N, C-alpha and C. Protein backbone atom coordinates (compact mmCIF):
# COMPACT_ATOMS: atom_id res chain seq x y z
N MET A 1 41.47 10.19 45.57
CA MET A 1 41.80 9.11 44.63
C MET A 1 43.22 9.33 44.09
N SER A 2 44.04 8.26 44.09
CA SER A 2 45.41 8.39 43.63
C SER A 2 45.46 8.62 42.12
N THR A 3 46.62 9.08 41.65
CA THR A 3 46.79 9.34 40.23
C THR A 3 46.66 8.08 39.41
N THR A 4 47.23 6.97 39.93
CA THR A 4 47.16 5.71 39.20
C THR A 4 45.72 5.24 39.05
N LYS A 5 44.93 5.37 40.12
CA LYS A 5 43.53 4.96 40.05
C LYS A 5 42.75 5.82 39.07
N LYS A 6 43.08 7.12 39.04
CA LYS A 6 42.41 8.01 38.10
C LYS A 6 42.71 7.61 36.66
N LEU A 7 43.97 7.26 36.41
CA LEU A 7 44.36 6.86 35.06
C LEU A 7 43.68 5.55 34.67
N LEU A 8 43.59 4.62 35.62
CA LEU A 8 42.92 3.35 35.34
C LEU A 8 41.44 3.56 35.05
N LEU A 9 40.81 4.47 35.80
CA LEU A 9 39.40 4.77 35.58
C LEU A 9 39.18 5.39 34.21
N ALA A 10 40.07 6.31 33.80
CA ALA A 10 39.97 6.94 32.49
C ALA A 10 40.11 5.92 31.38
N ALA A 11 41.04 4.99 31.53
CA ALA A 11 41.23 3.96 30.52
C ALA A 11 40.01 3.05 30.42
N ALA A 12 39.40 2.74 31.59
CA ALA A 12 38.22 1.89 31.58
C ALA A 12 37.07 2.56 30.86
N ILE A 13 36.88 3.88 31.14
CA ILE A 13 35.82 4.62 30.46
C ILE A 13 36.06 4.65 28.96
N CYS A 14 37.33 4.82 28.57
CA CYS A 14 37.68 4.84 27.15
C CYS A 14 37.34 3.51 26.49
N CYS A 15 37.64 2.41 27.20
CA CYS A 15 37.36 1.08 26.65
C CYS A 15 35.87 0.87 26.48
N LEU A 16 35.08 1.34 27.46
CA LEU A 16 33.64 1.20 27.36
C LEU A 16 33.11 1.96 26.16
N GLY A 17 33.69 3.11 25.89
CA GLY A 17 33.25 3.94 24.78
C GLY A 17 33.44 3.26 23.44
N THR A 18 34.46 2.40 23.35
CA THR A 18 34.74 1.77 22.06
C THR A 18 33.78 0.63 21.75
N THR A 19 32.99 0.20 22.75
CA THR A 19 32.06 -0.88 22.49
C THR A 19 30.72 -0.37 21.99
N SER A 20 30.53 0.96 21.92
CA SER A 20 29.27 1.51 21.44
C SER A 20 29.16 1.33 19.92
N ALA A 21 27.95 1.55 19.42
CA ALA A 21 27.71 1.33 18.00
C ALA A 21 28.34 2.43 17.15
N PHE A 22 28.75 2.04 15.94
CA PHE A 22 29.33 2.98 14.99
C PHE A 22 28.47 3.01 13.74
N ALA A 23 28.22 4.22 13.25
CA ALA A 23 27.37 4.40 12.07
C ALA A 23 28.14 4.11 10.79
N ASN A 24 27.52 3.41 9.87
CA ASN A 24 28.09 3.11 8.57
C ASN A 24 27.03 3.37 7.51
N ILE A 25 27.47 3.63 6.28
CA ILE A 25 26.55 3.89 5.18
C ILE A 25 26.96 3.07 3.97
N ILE A 26 26.02 2.38 3.37
CA ILE A 26 26.22 1.67 2.11
C ILE A 26 25.30 2.31 1.08
N THR A 27 25.85 2.68 -0.07
CA THR A 27 25.09 3.39 -1.09
C THR A 27 25.12 2.61 -2.41
N GLN A 28 23.96 2.51 -3.06
CA GLN A 28 23.83 1.90 -4.38
C GLN A 28 23.15 2.90 -5.31
N THR A 29 23.55 2.91 -6.58
CA THR A 29 22.99 3.86 -7.53
C THR A 29 22.49 3.16 -8.79
N CYS A 30 21.57 3.81 -9.47
CA CYS A 30 21.00 3.31 -10.71
C CYS A 30 20.66 4.52 -11.57
N SER A 31 20.78 4.39 -12.89
CA SER A 31 20.51 5.51 -13.80
C SER A 31 19.38 5.15 -14.76
N PRO A 32 18.13 5.37 -14.35
CA PRO A 32 17.00 5.03 -15.21
C PRO A 32 16.76 6.08 -16.28
N SER A 33 16.19 5.66 -17.41
CA SER A 33 15.82 6.60 -18.48
C SER A 33 14.79 5.93 -19.37
N THR A 34 13.94 6.73 -19.98
CA THR A 34 12.99 6.20 -20.94
C THR A 34 12.87 7.18 -22.11
N ALA A 35 12.48 6.66 -23.25
CA ALA A 35 12.29 7.49 -24.44
C ALA A 35 10.85 7.95 -24.56
N SER A 36 10.01 7.52 -23.62
CA SER A 36 8.59 7.89 -23.67
C SER A 36 7.99 7.74 -22.28
N PHE A 37 7.06 8.61 -21.96
CA PHE A 37 6.37 8.49 -20.68
C PHE A 37 5.45 7.28 -20.64
N ASN A 38 5.24 6.64 -21.76
CA ASN A 38 4.41 5.44 -21.78
C ASN A 38 5.19 4.21 -21.35
N ASN A 39 6.51 4.34 -21.24
CA ASN A 39 7.36 3.24 -20.80
C ASN A 39 7.70 3.38 -19.33
N THR A 40 8.28 2.34 -18.75
CA THR A 40 8.72 2.39 -17.36
C THR A 40 10.20 2.07 -17.28
N ALA A 41 10.82 2.50 -16.20
CA ALA A 41 12.23 2.20 -15.94
C ALA A 41 12.32 1.61 -14.54
N THR A 42 13.05 0.50 -14.42
CA THR A 42 13.15 -0.19 -13.14
C THR A 42 14.59 -0.21 -12.64
N CYS A 43 14.76 0.09 -11.36
CA CYS A 43 16.06 0.01 -10.70
C CYS A 43 16.00 -1.09 -9.64
N THR A 44 16.95 -2.00 -9.68
CA THR A 44 16.99 -3.11 -8.72
C THR A 44 18.23 -2.99 -7.84
N PHE A 45 18.01 -3.06 -6.53
CA PHE A 45 19.10 -2.93 -5.56
C PHE A 45 19.16 -4.17 -4.68
N THR A 46 20.33 -4.41 -4.09
CA THR A 46 20.52 -5.52 -3.16
C THR A 46 19.96 -5.14 -1.79
N ASP A 47 19.22 -6.08 -1.19
CA ASP A 47 18.69 -5.85 0.16
C ASP A 47 19.83 -5.70 1.17
N PHE A 48 19.51 -5.05 2.28
CA PHE A 48 20.46 -4.94 3.37
C PHE A 48 20.65 -6.31 4.01
N ASN A 49 21.91 -6.67 4.25
CA ASN A 49 22.24 -7.95 4.88
C ASN A 49 22.35 -7.73 6.39
N THR A 50 21.47 -8.38 7.15
CA THR A 50 21.44 -8.15 8.59
C THR A 50 22.71 -8.60 9.30
N SER A 51 23.55 -9.39 8.61
CA SER A 51 24.81 -9.79 9.23
C SER A 51 25.79 -8.62 9.28
N TRP A 52 25.51 -7.55 8.51
CA TRP A 52 26.38 -6.37 8.54
C TRP A 52 26.22 -5.59 9.83
N GLY A 53 25.04 -5.66 10.42
CA GLY A 53 24.77 -4.88 11.61
C GLY A 53 23.28 -4.62 11.74
N SER A 54 22.94 -3.54 12.44
CA SER A 54 21.55 -3.18 12.67
C SER A 54 21.17 -2.01 11.75
N LEU A 55 20.15 -2.23 10.90
CA LEU A 55 19.72 -1.21 9.96
C LEU A 55 18.96 -0.11 10.69
N ASN A 56 19.44 1.13 10.55
CA ASN A 56 18.83 2.26 11.24
C ASN A 56 17.93 3.10 10.34
N ASP A 57 18.32 3.23 9.08
CA ASP A 57 17.59 4.15 8.21
C ASP A 57 17.82 3.78 6.74
N VAL A 58 16.82 4.09 5.92
CA VAL A 58 16.90 3.90 4.48
C VAL A 58 16.53 5.21 3.81
N THR A 59 17.38 5.69 2.91
CA THR A 59 17.14 6.96 2.23
C THR A 59 17.18 6.74 0.72
N VAL A 60 16.19 7.28 0.03
CA VAL A 60 16.12 7.18 -1.42
C VAL A 60 16.20 8.59 -2.00
N THR A 61 17.08 8.78 -2.98
CA THR A 61 17.31 10.10 -3.56
C THR A 61 17.20 10.07 -5.08
N ILE A 62 16.48 11.02 -5.64
CA ILE A 62 16.49 11.25 -7.09
C ILE A 62 17.36 12.48 -7.32
N SER A 63 18.32 12.38 -8.23
CA SER A 63 19.19 13.52 -8.51
C SER A 63 19.42 13.66 -10.01
N GLY A 64 19.65 14.89 -10.44
CA GLY A 64 19.97 15.16 -11.83
C GLY A 64 18.90 14.73 -12.80
N MET A 65 17.64 14.72 -12.36
CA MET A 65 16.57 14.27 -13.24
C MET A 65 16.31 15.32 -14.32
N THR A 66 16.40 14.90 -15.57
CA THR A 66 16.17 15.78 -16.72
C THR A 66 15.19 15.12 -17.68
N GLY A 67 14.62 15.92 -18.55
CA GLY A 67 13.70 15.35 -19.52
C GLY A 67 13.16 16.40 -20.46
N THR A 68 12.25 15.97 -21.30
CA THR A 68 11.60 16.86 -22.27
C THR A 68 10.11 16.61 -22.25
N LEU A 69 9.34 17.69 -22.23
CA LEU A 69 7.89 17.60 -22.36
C LEU A 69 7.50 17.97 -23.78
N PHE A 70 6.61 17.19 -24.36
CA PHE A 70 6.09 17.49 -25.69
C PHE A 70 4.60 17.76 -25.59
N ALA A 71 4.22 19.00 -25.71
CA ALA A 71 2.79 19.33 -25.79
C ALA A 71 2.34 19.08 -27.22
N SER A 72 1.24 18.38 -27.39
CA SER A 72 0.78 18.01 -28.72
C SER A 72 -0.69 18.36 -28.90
N VAL A 73 -1.10 18.45 -30.17
CA VAL A 73 -2.51 18.68 -30.50
C VAL A 73 -2.96 17.62 -31.48
N THR A 74 -4.19 17.19 -31.33
CA THR A 74 -4.78 16.17 -32.20
C THR A 74 -6.00 16.74 -32.91
N ASN A 75 -6.04 16.53 -34.21
CA ASN A 75 -7.16 16.97 -35.04
C ASN A 75 -8.06 15.76 -35.31
N ILE A 76 -9.31 15.85 -34.85
CA ILE A 76 -10.21 14.71 -35.01
C ILE A 76 -11.06 14.82 -36.28
N THR A 77 -10.86 15.89 -37.05
CA THR A 77 -11.59 16.03 -38.31
C THR A 77 -10.74 15.50 -39.46
N SER A 78 -11.33 15.41 -40.65
CA SER A 78 -10.62 14.87 -41.81
C SER A 78 -9.88 15.95 -42.60
N SER A 79 -10.06 17.22 -42.26
CA SER A 79 -9.40 18.31 -42.98
C SER A 79 -8.40 19.02 -42.08
N THR A 80 -7.42 19.67 -42.72
CA THR A 80 -6.40 20.40 -41.97
C THR A 80 -7.04 21.53 -41.17
N GLN A 81 -6.59 21.66 -39.93
CA GLN A 81 -7.13 22.67 -39.04
C GLN A 81 -6.01 23.59 -38.54
N GLY A 82 -6.30 24.85 -38.45
CA GLY A 82 -5.40 25.78 -37.78
C GLY A 82 -5.79 25.89 -36.32
N TYR A 83 -4.84 26.13 -35.46
CA TYR A 83 -5.16 26.22 -34.03
C TYR A 83 -4.35 27.36 -33.41
N GLY A 84 -4.86 27.88 -32.32
CA GLY A 84 -4.20 28.95 -31.59
C GLY A 84 -4.34 28.72 -30.09
N THR A 85 -3.79 29.64 -29.31
CA THR A 85 -3.79 29.46 -27.86
C THR A 85 -4.29 30.71 -27.16
N PRO A 86 -5.59 30.94 -27.12
CA PRO A 86 -6.08 32.07 -26.34
C PRO A 86 -5.70 31.92 -24.86
N THR A 87 -5.65 30.70 -24.38
CA THR A 87 -5.13 30.43 -23.04
C THR A 87 -3.93 29.49 -23.19
N PRO A 88 -2.72 29.90 -22.76
CA PRO A 88 -1.54 29.04 -22.92
C PRO A 88 -1.73 27.68 -22.25
N VAL A 89 -1.08 26.69 -22.80
CA VAL A 89 -1.18 25.33 -22.30
C VAL A 89 -0.20 25.11 -21.15
N THR A 90 -0.70 24.58 -20.06
CA THR A 90 0.17 24.21 -18.94
C THR A 90 0.51 22.73 -19.07
N ASP A 91 1.80 22.45 -19.21
CA ASP A 91 2.28 21.09 -19.43
C ASP A 91 3.08 20.64 -18.20
N THR A 92 2.70 19.54 -17.60
CA THR A 92 3.34 19.08 -16.37
C THR A 92 3.74 17.61 -16.49
N ALA A 93 4.96 17.30 -16.07
CA ALA A 93 5.43 15.91 -16.04
C ALA A 93 5.65 15.50 -14.59
N THR A 94 5.26 14.29 -14.27
CA THR A 94 5.49 13.73 -12.94
C THR A 94 6.19 12.39 -13.08
N VAL A 95 7.32 12.25 -12.39
CA VAL A 95 8.07 10.99 -12.39
C VAL A 95 8.03 10.44 -10.97
N THR A 96 7.43 9.28 -10.82
CA THR A 96 7.26 8.66 -9.50
C THR A 96 7.93 7.29 -9.48
N PHE A 97 8.71 7.04 -8.44
CA PHE A 97 9.31 5.72 -8.24
C PHE A 97 8.64 5.06 -7.04
N GLU A 98 8.11 3.86 -7.25
CA GLU A 98 7.48 3.12 -6.18
C GLU A 98 8.29 1.85 -5.90
N VAL A 99 8.42 1.52 -4.63
CA VAL A 99 9.17 0.33 -4.26
C VAL A 99 8.20 -0.80 -3.99
N GLY A 100 8.37 -1.92 -4.68
CA GLY A 100 7.52 -3.08 -4.48
C GLY A 100 6.12 -2.88 -5.04
N ALA A 101 5.34 -3.93 -5.01
CA ALA A 101 3.99 -3.89 -5.58
C ALA A 101 3.00 -3.19 -4.66
N ASN A 102 3.14 -3.40 -3.35
CA ASN A 102 2.16 -2.87 -2.41
C ASN A 102 2.75 -1.86 -1.43
N ALA A 103 4.01 -1.51 -1.62
CA ALA A 103 4.66 -0.59 -0.70
C ALA A 103 4.28 0.85 -1.01
N PRO A 104 4.44 1.74 -0.04
CA PRO A 104 4.13 3.16 -0.27
C PRO A 104 5.05 3.77 -1.31
N THR A 105 4.62 4.89 -1.87
CA THR A 105 5.44 5.62 -2.82
C THR A 105 6.74 6.05 -2.15
N ALA A 106 7.86 5.86 -2.83
CA ALA A 106 9.16 6.22 -2.28
C ALA A 106 9.51 7.67 -2.61
N VAL A 107 9.56 7.99 -3.88
CA VAL A 107 9.96 9.33 -4.30
C VAL A 107 9.16 9.75 -5.51
N SER A 108 8.85 11.04 -5.60
CA SER A 108 8.09 11.55 -6.73
C SER A 108 8.44 13.02 -6.95
N ILE A 109 8.71 13.38 -8.20
CA ILE A 109 9.00 14.78 -8.52
C ILE A 109 8.11 15.23 -9.67
N SER A 110 7.80 16.51 -9.69
CA SER A 110 6.98 17.08 -10.76
C SER A 110 7.65 18.33 -11.30
N THR A 111 7.46 18.58 -12.56
CA THR A 111 7.96 19.80 -13.17
C THR A 111 7.01 20.20 -14.29
N GLY A 112 6.92 21.46 -14.57
CA GLY A 112 6.00 21.88 -15.62
C GLY A 112 6.19 23.34 -16.00
N SER A 113 5.54 23.73 -17.07
CA SER A 113 5.64 25.10 -17.55
C SER A 113 4.45 25.40 -18.45
N THR A 114 4.19 26.67 -18.65
CA THR A 114 3.15 27.10 -19.57
C THR A 114 3.77 27.37 -20.93
N VAL A 115 3.24 26.74 -21.95
CA VAL A 115 3.78 26.87 -23.30
C VAL A 115 2.69 27.38 -24.25
N GLY A 116 3.11 28.09 -25.26
CA GLY A 116 2.18 28.58 -26.26
C GLY A 116 2.17 27.67 -27.48
N CYS A 117 0.99 27.38 -28.01
CA CYS A 117 0.87 26.50 -29.17
C CYS A 117 0.03 27.18 -30.25
N SER A 118 0.53 27.17 -31.46
CA SER A 118 -0.25 27.66 -32.60
C SER A 118 0.33 27.07 -33.87
N GLY A 119 -0.51 26.92 -34.91
CA GLY A 119 -0.06 26.36 -36.18
C GLY A 119 -1.18 25.65 -36.87
N THR A 120 -0.83 24.63 -37.64
CA THR A 120 -1.82 23.82 -38.34
C THR A 120 -1.53 22.35 -38.11
N VAL A 121 -2.59 21.54 -38.17
CA VAL A 121 -2.45 20.10 -38.01
C VAL A 121 -3.32 19.42 -39.05
N PRO A 122 -2.76 18.45 -39.82
CA PRO A 122 -3.54 17.74 -40.84
C PRO A 122 -4.71 16.98 -40.21
N GLY A 123 -5.66 16.58 -41.04
CA GLY A 123 -6.82 15.84 -40.57
C GLY A 123 -6.46 14.49 -39.99
N ASN A 124 -7.13 14.14 -38.91
CA ASN A 124 -6.95 12.83 -38.25
C ASN A 124 -5.49 12.55 -37.90
N SER A 125 -4.82 13.53 -37.37
CA SER A 125 -3.40 13.34 -37.02
C SER A 125 -3.05 14.17 -35.78
N THR A 126 -1.84 13.93 -35.29
CA THR A 126 -1.34 14.62 -34.10
C THR A 126 0.04 15.21 -34.39
N VAL A 127 0.25 16.44 -33.94
CA VAL A 127 1.56 17.07 -34.09
C VAL A 127 1.98 17.67 -32.76
N ASN A 128 3.31 17.78 -32.57
CA ASN A 128 3.83 18.48 -31.39
C ASN A 128 3.72 19.98 -31.62
N CYS A 129 3.08 20.66 -30.70
CA CYS A 129 2.94 22.11 -30.87
C CYS A 129 4.02 22.86 -30.12
N ALA A 130 4.68 22.22 -29.13
CA ALA A 130 5.75 22.87 -28.37
C ALA A 130 6.50 21.81 -27.59
N SER A 131 7.73 22.12 -27.23
CA SER A 131 8.51 21.21 -26.39
C SER A 131 9.21 22.03 -25.32
N LEU A 132 9.46 21.39 -24.21
CA LEU A 132 10.09 22.05 -23.06
C LEU A 132 11.08 21.10 -22.42
N SER A 133 12.33 21.54 -22.30
CA SER A 133 13.34 20.73 -21.60
C SER A 133 13.35 21.14 -20.13
N TRP A 134 13.48 20.16 -19.26
CA TRP A 134 13.49 20.46 -17.82
C TRP A 134 14.61 19.71 -17.10
N GLY A 135 15.00 20.24 -15.96
CA GLY A 135 16.05 19.64 -15.14
C GLY A 135 17.31 20.50 -15.09
N PRO A 136 18.32 20.10 -14.30
CA PRO A 136 18.20 18.94 -13.41
C PRO A 136 17.43 19.28 -12.14
N THR A 137 16.70 18.32 -11.65
CA THR A 137 15.97 18.50 -10.41
C THR A 137 16.01 17.19 -9.64
N GLY A 138 15.66 17.22 -8.39
CA GLY A 138 15.71 16.01 -7.59
C GLY A 138 15.16 16.22 -6.21
N MET A 139 15.11 15.14 -5.44
CA MET A 139 14.63 15.21 -4.07
C MET A 139 15.09 13.98 -3.32
N THR A 140 15.03 14.08 -1.98
CA THR A 140 15.43 12.98 -1.11
C THR A 140 14.25 12.59 -0.22
N ASN A 141 14.03 11.30 -0.06
CA ASN A 141 12.97 10.82 0.80
C ASN A 141 13.55 9.85 1.83
N ASP A 142 13.33 10.18 3.10
CA ASP A 142 13.79 9.32 4.19
C ASP A 142 12.72 8.27 4.45
N MET A 143 13.04 7.02 4.15
CA MET A 143 12.07 5.95 4.35
C MET A 143 11.83 5.67 5.82
N GLY A 144 12.83 5.97 6.68
CA GLY A 144 12.67 5.78 8.12
C GLY A 144 12.67 4.33 8.54
N ALA A 145 12.50 4.12 9.84
CA ALA A 145 12.56 2.77 10.39
C ALA A 145 11.32 1.96 10.05
N VAL A 146 10.20 2.63 9.78
CA VAL A 146 8.94 1.93 9.52
C VAL A 146 9.04 1.03 8.30
N GLU A 147 9.76 1.51 7.27
CA GLU A 147 9.82 0.78 6.02
C GLU A 147 11.03 -0.16 5.91
N ASN A 148 11.82 -0.26 6.96
CA ASN A 148 13.05 -1.03 6.86
C ASN A 148 12.83 -2.50 6.52
N ALA A 149 11.69 -3.08 6.92
CA ALA A 149 11.44 -4.50 6.66
C ALA A 149 11.41 -4.79 5.17
N ILE A 150 11.04 -3.79 4.34
CA ILE A 150 11.00 -3.99 2.90
C ILE A 150 12.39 -4.28 2.35
N PHE A 151 13.42 -3.73 3.00
CA PHE A 151 14.77 -3.77 2.46
C PHE A 151 15.65 -4.83 3.13
N THR A 152 15.08 -5.71 3.92
CA THR A 152 15.88 -6.72 4.62
C THR A 152 15.40 -8.14 4.33
N GLY A 153 14.86 -8.36 3.15
CA GLY A 153 14.32 -9.67 2.81
C GLY A 153 15.35 -10.69 2.38
N GLY A 154 16.60 -10.27 2.23
CA GLY A 154 17.66 -11.20 1.84
C GLY A 154 17.83 -11.37 0.35
N GLY A 155 17.10 -10.60 -0.44
CA GLY A 155 17.24 -10.70 -1.89
C GLY A 155 17.50 -9.34 -2.52
N THR A 156 16.54 -8.87 -3.31
CA THR A 156 16.67 -7.57 -3.95
C THR A 156 15.37 -6.79 -3.77
N VAL A 157 15.48 -5.49 -3.97
CA VAL A 157 14.32 -4.62 -3.93
C VAL A 157 14.33 -3.76 -5.19
N SER A 158 13.17 -3.61 -5.82
CA SER A 158 13.10 -2.89 -7.09
C SER A 158 12.22 -1.65 -6.98
N PHE A 159 12.66 -0.59 -7.64
CA PHE A 159 11.89 0.63 -7.76
C PHE A 159 11.47 0.76 -9.22
N THR A 160 10.19 0.90 -9.46
CA THR A 160 9.69 1.04 -10.82
C THR A 160 9.08 2.43 -11.00
N SER A 161 9.47 3.08 -12.08
CA SER A 161 8.98 4.43 -12.34
C SER A 161 7.59 4.39 -12.94
N ALA A 162 6.82 5.41 -12.64
CA ALA A 162 5.52 5.63 -13.27
C ALA A 162 5.51 7.08 -13.74
N ALA A 163 6.00 7.30 -14.95
CA ALA A 163 6.11 8.66 -15.48
C ALA A 163 4.88 8.99 -16.30
N ASN A 164 4.34 10.17 -16.06
CA ASN A 164 3.17 10.58 -16.82
C ASN A 164 3.20 12.08 -17.06
N GLN A 165 2.30 12.55 -17.89
CA GLN A 165 2.25 13.96 -18.25
C GLN A 165 0.81 14.40 -18.33
N SER A 166 0.56 15.64 -17.91
CA SER A 166 -0.78 16.19 -18.02
C SER A 166 -0.70 17.57 -18.67
N THR A 167 -1.70 17.90 -19.45
CA THR A 167 -1.79 19.21 -20.09
C THR A 167 -3.17 19.79 -19.85
N SER A 168 -3.22 21.10 -19.79
CA SER A 168 -4.51 21.78 -19.64
C SER A 168 -4.44 23.14 -20.30
N GLY A 169 -5.59 23.67 -20.69
CA GLY A 169 -5.64 24.97 -21.34
C GLY A 169 -6.70 24.98 -22.42
N SER A 170 -6.76 26.05 -23.19
CA SER A 170 -7.75 26.18 -24.26
C SER A 170 -7.07 26.30 -25.61
N ILE A 171 -7.52 25.53 -26.55
CA ILE A 171 -7.04 25.63 -27.92
C ILE A 171 -8.26 25.67 -28.84
N THR A 172 -8.26 26.62 -29.76
CA THR A 172 -9.37 26.69 -30.72
C THR A 172 -8.89 26.17 -32.08
N PRO A 173 -9.75 25.54 -32.87
CA PRO A 173 -11.18 25.29 -32.60
C PRO A 173 -11.41 24.09 -31.70
N GLY A 174 -12.69 23.79 -31.43
CA GLY A 174 -13.04 22.71 -30.52
C GLY A 174 -12.70 21.33 -31.03
N SER A 175 -12.39 21.20 -32.32
CA SER A 175 -12.05 19.89 -32.86
C SER A 175 -10.59 19.52 -32.58
N ILE A 176 -9.86 20.41 -31.92
CA ILE A 176 -8.45 20.17 -31.58
C ILE A 176 -8.37 19.80 -30.10
N PHE A 177 -7.63 18.73 -29.79
CA PHE A 177 -7.48 18.28 -28.40
C PHE A 177 -6.01 18.32 -27.99
N ILE A 178 -5.79 18.65 -26.73
CA ILE A 178 -4.42 18.76 -26.20
C ILE A 178 -3.97 17.41 -25.64
N GLY A 179 -2.72 17.08 -25.88
CA GLY A 179 -2.15 15.87 -25.31
C GLY A 179 -0.68 16.11 -25.03
N GLY A 180 0.10 15.04 -24.97
CA GLY A 180 1.53 15.21 -24.74
C GLY A 180 2.24 13.94 -24.38
N ASN A 181 3.55 14.03 -24.32
CA ASN A 181 4.41 12.92 -23.93
C ASN A 181 5.74 13.51 -23.50
N GLY A 182 6.75 12.70 -23.40
CA GLY A 182 8.05 13.23 -23.01
C GLY A 182 9.05 12.14 -22.69
N THR A 183 10.21 12.55 -22.26
CA THR A 183 11.29 11.63 -21.88
C THR A 183 11.82 12.04 -20.51
N PHE A 184 12.53 11.13 -19.86
CA PHE A 184 13.21 11.50 -18.61
C PHE A 184 14.42 10.60 -18.40
N ALA A 185 15.37 11.11 -17.64
CA ALA A 185 16.58 10.36 -17.27
C ALA A 185 17.14 10.97 -16.00
N GLY A 186 17.83 10.19 -15.21
CA GLY A 186 18.41 10.71 -13.97
C GLY A 186 19.11 9.62 -13.20
N THR A 187 19.31 9.86 -11.91
CA THR A 187 19.99 8.91 -11.03
C THR A 187 19.14 8.65 -9.79
N LEU A 188 18.97 7.38 -9.47
CA LEU A 188 18.26 6.97 -8.26
C LEU A 188 19.28 6.34 -7.32
N THR A 189 19.34 6.84 -6.09
CA THR A 189 20.33 6.37 -5.11
C THR A 189 19.62 5.81 -3.88
N LEU A 190 20.04 4.63 -3.46
CA LEU A 190 19.51 3.99 -2.26
C LEU A 190 20.64 3.88 -1.24
N SER A 191 20.41 4.41 -0.03
CA SER A 191 21.44 4.39 1.02
C SER A 191 20.93 3.69 2.27
N TYR A 192 21.74 2.76 2.79
CA TYR A 192 21.46 2.11 4.06
C TYR A 192 22.37 2.71 5.13
N THR A 193 21.79 3.20 6.21
CA THR A 193 22.58 3.64 7.36
C THR A 193 22.40 2.60 8.46
N TYR A 194 23.50 2.03 8.93
CA TYR A 194 23.40 0.97 9.92
C TYR A 194 24.49 1.10 10.96
N SER A 195 24.33 0.41 12.07
CA SER A 195 25.29 0.48 13.17
C SER A 195 25.86 -0.89 13.47
N THR A 196 27.10 -0.89 13.92
CA THR A 196 27.79 -2.10 14.34
C THR A 196 28.49 -1.83 15.65
N GLY A 197 28.88 -2.91 16.35
CA GLY A 197 29.60 -2.76 17.60
C GLY A 197 31.10 -2.84 17.43
N ALA A 198 31.56 -2.96 16.19
CA ALA A 198 33.00 -3.10 15.94
C ALA A 198 33.70 -1.78 16.16
N PRO A 199 34.78 -1.74 16.96
CA PRO A 199 35.50 -0.48 17.19
C PRO A 199 36.29 -0.05 15.96
N GLU A 200 36.41 1.25 15.80
CA GLU A 200 37.20 1.80 14.70
C GLU A 200 38.68 1.74 15.03
N PRO A 201 39.57 1.74 14.04
CA PRO A 201 41.02 1.73 14.30
C PRO A 201 41.46 2.89 15.19
N ALA A 202 40.87 4.06 14.98
CA ALA A 202 41.26 5.22 15.79
C ALA A 202 40.93 4.98 17.26
N SER A 203 39.79 4.33 17.51
CA SER A 203 39.40 4.04 18.89
C SER A 203 40.35 3.04 19.53
N LEU A 204 40.78 2.05 18.72
CA LEU A 204 41.74 1.07 19.24
C LEU A 204 43.06 1.73 19.59
N LEU A 205 43.50 2.67 18.78
CA LEU A 205 44.73 3.39 19.08
C LEU A 205 44.58 4.21 20.35
N LEU A 206 43.39 4.80 20.54
CA LEU A 206 43.15 5.60 21.73
C LEU A 206 43.21 4.74 22.98
N VAL A 207 42.61 3.56 22.92
CA VAL A 207 42.64 2.65 24.06
C VAL A 207 44.07 2.20 24.34
N GLY A 208 44.78 1.85 23.25
CA GLY A 208 46.16 1.41 23.43
C GLY A 208 47.02 2.49 24.05
N GLY A 209 46.83 3.73 23.58
CA GLY A 209 47.60 4.84 24.14
C GLY A 209 47.27 5.06 25.61
N GLY A 210 45.99 4.91 25.96
CA GLY A 210 45.59 5.09 27.36
C GLY A 210 46.19 4.04 28.26
N LEU A 211 46.15 2.79 27.80
CA LEU A 211 46.73 1.71 28.61
C LEU A 211 48.24 1.85 28.73
N LEU A 212 48.89 2.32 27.66
CA LEU A 212 50.33 2.55 27.70
C LEU A 212 50.67 3.63 28.72
N GLY A 213 49.84 4.69 28.72
CA GLY A 213 50.07 5.77 29.68
C GLY A 213 49.91 5.29 31.11
N VAL A 214 48.91 4.45 31.35
CA VAL A 214 48.70 3.90 32.69
C VAL A 214 49.90 3.07 33.12
N GLY A 215 50.39 2.26 32.16
CA GLY A 215 51.54 1.41 32.49
C GLY A 215 52.78 2.22 32.82
N LEU A 216 53.05 3.27 32.04
CA LEU A 216 54.22 4.11 32.30
C LEU A 216 54.09 4.84 33.64
N ALA A 217 52.88 5.33 33.93
CA ALA A 217 52.68 6.04 35.19
C ALA A 217 52.88 5.11 36.37
N PHE A 218 52.38 3.89 36.26
CA PHE A 218 52.53 2.91 37.34
C PHE A 218 54.00 2.56 37.53
N ARG A 219 54.72 2.41 36.39
CA ARG A 219 56.15 2.06 36.48
C ARG A 219 56.94 3.18 37.13
N LYS A 220 56.62 4.43 36.77
CA LYS A 220 57.33 5.57 37.34
C LYS A 220 57.06 5.69 38.84
N ARG A 221 55.83 5.47 39.21
CA ARG A 221 55.45 5.54 40.63
C ARG A 221 56.19 4.47 41.43
N LYS A 222 56.33 3.25 40.82
CA LYS A 222 57.01 2.16 41.51
C LYS A 222 58.49 2.49 41.68
N GLN A 223 59.12 3.13 40.65
CA GLN A 223 60.53 3.48 40.73
C GLN A 223 60.78 4.53 41.83
N VAL A 224 59.85 5.49 41.96
CA VAL A 224 59.98 6.53 42.99
C VAL A 224 59.93 5.93 44.37
N ARG A 225 59.02 4.97 44.55
CA ARG A 225 58.90 4.33 45.87
C ARG A 225 60.15 3.53 46.24
N SER A 226 60.80 2.89 45.23
CA SER A 226 61.98 2.07 45.51
C SER A 226 63.20 2.96 45.74
């Protein structure tokens, strides 16, 4: 094969390479927070626009999630009660974000610690016996191709938090009950990874350089023959 034909073949292969798909990423962020686990926080994102290209993957990330757990005791009698902790109280908070009403859970994180509680609580009232600050923590969940239809409806998609807290352990006397609440705040990130057939500027320069090289080689060869 002549040198000119080899150069032409290389340029053709280069041109074919530029028509392949290129990966792109679009990222949206939201910063949810609540003052109580009894409340919810909602993040709303724009759906992927199919005119941008072909959606390959959807990733949801929780980052920098922080909060406070409040372990509490409730006195169900009418007189002040003293309480202690022969078995320390385990206090756990779970923050879960679900996408849509019927869609699977997207992301969920849990944190907890064992805290000691002792003191007194007036009759028919509740007091915080301990508090625990937690964070930052986070996790990433790859929604994959299976869930992509949820994010291509042409409108918006919302993630709603379901934050709750659980406590367990022994507190004396038996008229004292363990409970709790807390707060949380953090960042929720939604990323679309998609492909397009549009060539990148660098690829266009590569093709142009290849074609220029072919042209110069052909011109030089023609001059030698003449």
